[in-house]
């Protein structure tokens, strides 16, 4: 699980289109796409999916960073595209 205020940050080192699917996950999450120190998009309440036709969530543009947070975080803190983030 991800505790309230917890997160997992993925730094891929370069910007590219990123696809995430929630194999073996037991809980929903929000996925935040980050590039150039800004939120460029997000997925709210991404659900676990182990089905053969799994759902893959793709970044809207090439990104270097992806932040996974507990489901509901985007709404709770009113994240929006263009918000500044402390990673570059």
Protein backbone atom coordinates (compact mmCIF):
# COMPACT_ATOMS: atom_id res chain seq x y z
CA UNK A 1 0.00 0.00 0.00
CA UNK A 2 0.92 3.65 -0.20
CA UNK A 3 0.40 5.52 3.03
CA UNK A 4 -1.27 8.94 3.06
CA UNK A 5 1.46 11.35 1.93
CA UNK A 6 3.50 8.47 0.49
CA UNK A 7 4.54 8.14 -3.13
CA UNK A 8 6.76 6.29 -5.59
CA UNK A 9 8.79 8.46 -7.97
CA UNK A 10 10.18 6.94 -11.15
CA UNK A 11 13.07 8.81 -12.82
CA UNK A 12 13.72 7.33 -16.25
CA UNK A 13 16.61 9.68 -17.02
CA UNK A 14 15.16 10.86 -20.33
CA UNK A 15 11.80 11.91 -21.70
CA UNK A 16 9.75 9.35 -23.63
CA UNK A 17 6.15 8.24 -23.83
CA UNK A 18 5.55 6.06 -20.76
CA UNK A 19 2.99 3.33 -20.29
CA UNK A 20 2.02 1.89 -16.91
CA UNK A 21 -0.27 -0.99 -16.04
CA UNK A 22 -1.18 -2.16 -12.58
CA UNK A 23 -0.24 -5.84 -12.64
CA UNK A 24 -0.30 -7.50 -9.21
CA UNK A 25 -1.50 -4.26 -7.59
CA UNK A 26 -4.02 -4.62 -4.79
CA UNK A 27 -5.25 -1.02 -4.62
CA UNK A 28 -5.97 1.90 -6.97
CA UNK A 29 -3.54 4.79 -7.42
CA UNK A 30 -3.26 8.17 -9.10
CA UNK A 31 -0.49 8.45 -11.70
CA UNK A 32 1.07 11.89 -12.26
CA UNK A 33 3.10 12.53 -15.44
CA UNK A 34 5.91 15.09 -14.96
CA UNK A 35 8.21 16.80 -17.46
CA UNK A 36 10.29 19.96 -17.22
CA UNK A 37 9.36 20.49 -13.59
CA UNK A 38 5.62 20.61 -14.41
CA UNK A 39 2.64 18.29 -14.19
CA UNK A 40 1.73 17.49 -17.80
CA UNK A 41 -1.14 15.11 -17.03
CA UNK A 42 -2.46 12.52 -14.63
CA UNK A 43 -4.71 9.48 -14.26
CA UNK A 44 -7.04 9.39 -11.28
CA UNK A 45 -8.08 6.18 -9.53
CA UNK A 46 -6.22 3.82 -11.87
CA UNK A 47 -7.55 0.39 -10.92
CA UNK A 48 -5.57 -2.82 -10.51
CA UNK A 49 -5.79 -4.98 -13.63
CA UNK A 50 -4.44 -8.50 -14.10
CA UNK A 51 -6.71 -9.32 -17.03
CA UNK A 52 -5.19 -10.55 -20.31
CA UNK A 53 -6.52 -7.40 -22.02
CA UNK A 54 -4.94 -5.18 -19.37
CA UNK A 55 -5.44 -1.44 -19.29
CA UNK A 56 -2.25 0.51 -19.97
CA UNK A 57 -2.14 4.17 -18.91
CA UNK A 58 0.05 6.30 -21.20
CA UNK A 59 1.60 9.70 -20.60
CA UNK A 60 0.04 12.38 -22.83
CA UNK A 61 3.50 13.57 -23.92
CA UNK A 62 7.06 12.31 -23.44
CA UNK A 63 7.99 12.50 -19.73
CA UNK A 64 11.06 11.79 -17.64
CA UNK A 65 9.26 11.42 -14.29
CA UNK A 66 6.20 9.49 -13.17
CA UNK A 67 4.78 9.83 -9.66
CA UNK A 68 2.45 7.21 -8.19
CA UNK A 69 0.38 8.39 -5.22
CA UNK A 70 -2.60 7.01 -3.29
CA UNK A 71 -5.90 7.18 -5.18
CA UNK A 72 -7.68 10.45 -4.51
CA UNK A 73 -4.49 12.51 -4.04
CA UNK A 74 -4.92 14.46 -7.31
CA UNK A 75 -8.44 15.48 -6.31
CA UNK A 76 -7.60 16.10 -2.64
CA UNK A 77 -4.79 18.54 -3.48
CA UNK A 78 -6.38 19.94 -6.67
CA UNK A 79 -3.45 19.06 -8.94
CA UNK A 80 -3.72 20.58 -12.40
CA UNK A 81 -1.74 20.50 -15.62
CA UNK A 82 1.05 23.08 -15.44
CA UNK A 83 1.52 22.83 -11.67
CA UNK A 84 5.17 23.12 -10.65
CA UNK A 85 6.94 20.08 -9.20
CA UNK A 86 10.30 19.97 -7.42
CA UNK A 87 12.00 17.65 -9.97
CA UNK A 88 13.70 18.55 -13.23
